[in-house]
Protein backbone atom coordinates (compact mmCIF):
# COMPACT_ATOMS: atom_id res chain seq x y z
CA MET A 1 -0.21 0.52 -0.44
CA PRO A 2 1.15 3.59 -0.65
CA THR A 3 2.22 5.62 1.98
CA ASN A 4 1.51 9.24 0.54
CA THR A 5 -1.23 11.69 1.28
CA LEU A 6 -3.20 9.30 -0.89
CA ASP A 7 -3.25 6.86 1.99
CA THR A 8 -6.74 6.72 2.13
CA ALA A 9 -8.60 6.61 -1.63
CA ALA A 10 -5.58 4.63 -3.10
CA HIS A 11 -4.73 0.81 -3.50
CA GLU A 12 -3.16 -1.16 -5.18
CA ALA A 13 -4.75 -2.87 -8.17
CA PRO A 14 -4.47 -7.06 -9.12
CA SER A 15 -1.90 -6.09 -11.87
CA GLY A 16 -0.14 -4.04 -9.57
CA ARG A 17 -0.48 -0.24 -10.12
CA VAL A 18 -2.26 1.82 -7.81
CA MET A 19 -5.13 2.87 -8.62
CA ILE A 20 -6.68 5.90 -7.08
CA ASP A 21 -10.17 6.39 -6.12
CA VAL A 22 -10.80 9.90 -6.32
CA ARG A 23 -14.39 10.05 -5.19
CA LYS A 24 -12.31 9.55 -1.26
CA LEU A 25 -9.77 12.61 -2.04
CA THR A 26 -9.72 15.10 0.10
CA PRO A 27 -10.64 18.66 -1.24
CA ALA A 28 -6.40 19.36 -0.50
CA GLU A 29 -5.64 16.15 -2.15
CA PHE A 30 -7.21 16.18 -4.88
CA ALA A 31 -5.98 20.39 -5.67
CA LYS A 32 -2.76 18.02 -6.02
CA LEU A 33 -3.89 16.20 -8.48
CA GLY A 34 -2.22 16.92 -12.05
CA LEU A 35 -1.43 19.66 -11.06
CA SER A 36 2.51 18.87 -12.66
CA GLN A 37 0.86 17.95 -15.54
CA LEU A 38 -1.38 21.09 -17.04
CA ALA A 39 -1.58 24.88 -17.08
CA TYR A 40 -4.15 26.76 -18.22
CA VAL A 41 -4.34 30.00 -20.56
CA LYS A 42 -6.56 33.02 -20.21
CA PRO A 43 -6.94 36.19 -21.64
CA ALA A 44 -5.18 38.46 -20.54
CA VAL A 45 -4.32 42.02 -20.86
CA VAL A 46 -1.23 42.79 -21.68
CA ASP A 47 1.00 46.35 -21.46
CA GLY A 48 -1.99 47.63 -22.20
CA ALA A 49 -2.87 45.47 -24.89
CA PRO A 50 -4.75 42.16 -24.81
CA GLY A 51 -2.69 39.13 -24.66
CA PHE A 52 -2.96 35.56 -22.36
CA ALA A 53 -1.62 34.60 -19.14
CA ILE A 54 -0.13 30.62 -18.26
CA HIS A 55 -1.61 29.87 -14.98
CA ALA A 56 -0.34 26.44 -13.30
CA ALA A 57 -2.94 24.44 -12.46
CA ASP A 58 -2.59 25.70 -8.66
CA GLY A 59 -3.36 29.62 -10.56
CA THR A 60 0.12 30.63 -10.01
CA PRO A 61 1.23 32.67 -12.88
CA VAL A 62 3.75 31.54 -14.86
CA ALA A 63 4.20 33.71 -18.10
CA LEU A 64 2.21 35.27 -21.04
CA ALA A 65 2.10 35.56 -24.35
CA ASN A 66 0.87 37.74 -26.88
CA ASP A 67 -0.45 35.50 -28.90
CA ARG A 68 -2.90 32.00 -27.68
CA ASN A 69 -1.46 30.10 -29.72
CA VAL A 70 2.21 30.65 -28.55
CA ALA A 71 0.75 30.33 -24.94
CA VAL A 72 -0.29 26.35 -25.56
CA ALA A 73 3.08 26.11 -27.18
CA ALA A 74 5.06 26.85 -24.35
CA ILE A 75 2.62 24.61 -22.41
CA VAL A 76 3.44 21.58 -25.05
CA GLN A 77 6.63 21.98 -25.02
CA GLN A 78 7.51 21.76 -21.33
CA GLU A 79 5.18 18.66 -21.65
CA MET A 80 2.59 20.15 -20.04
CA VAL A 81 -1.18 19.51 -20.90
CA PRO A 82 -3.15 23.17 -21.96
CA ALA A 83 -6.61 23.45 -20.76
CA SER A 84 -8.00 27.33 -22.12
CA VAL A 85 -10.40 29.52 -19.51
CA HIS A 86 -12.95 31.37 -20.58
């Protein structure tokens, strides 16, 4: 059995993989799930002009871009999954 912050929701499957039952996660544990793998892009104002902000999954601002495609490309280049916020 794993010994980490997801102990209450984790169990070992017959395949030997650790499975996490997301229904048993605490709000804090759920917030950490995928934290290092997801970043989101949302419209922002950059130097008085329309632009796009890149944020980590926890909301931490990471970067700014003038173009949405550049923002998404930057996320993908870091081997993360981009998500859009409208």
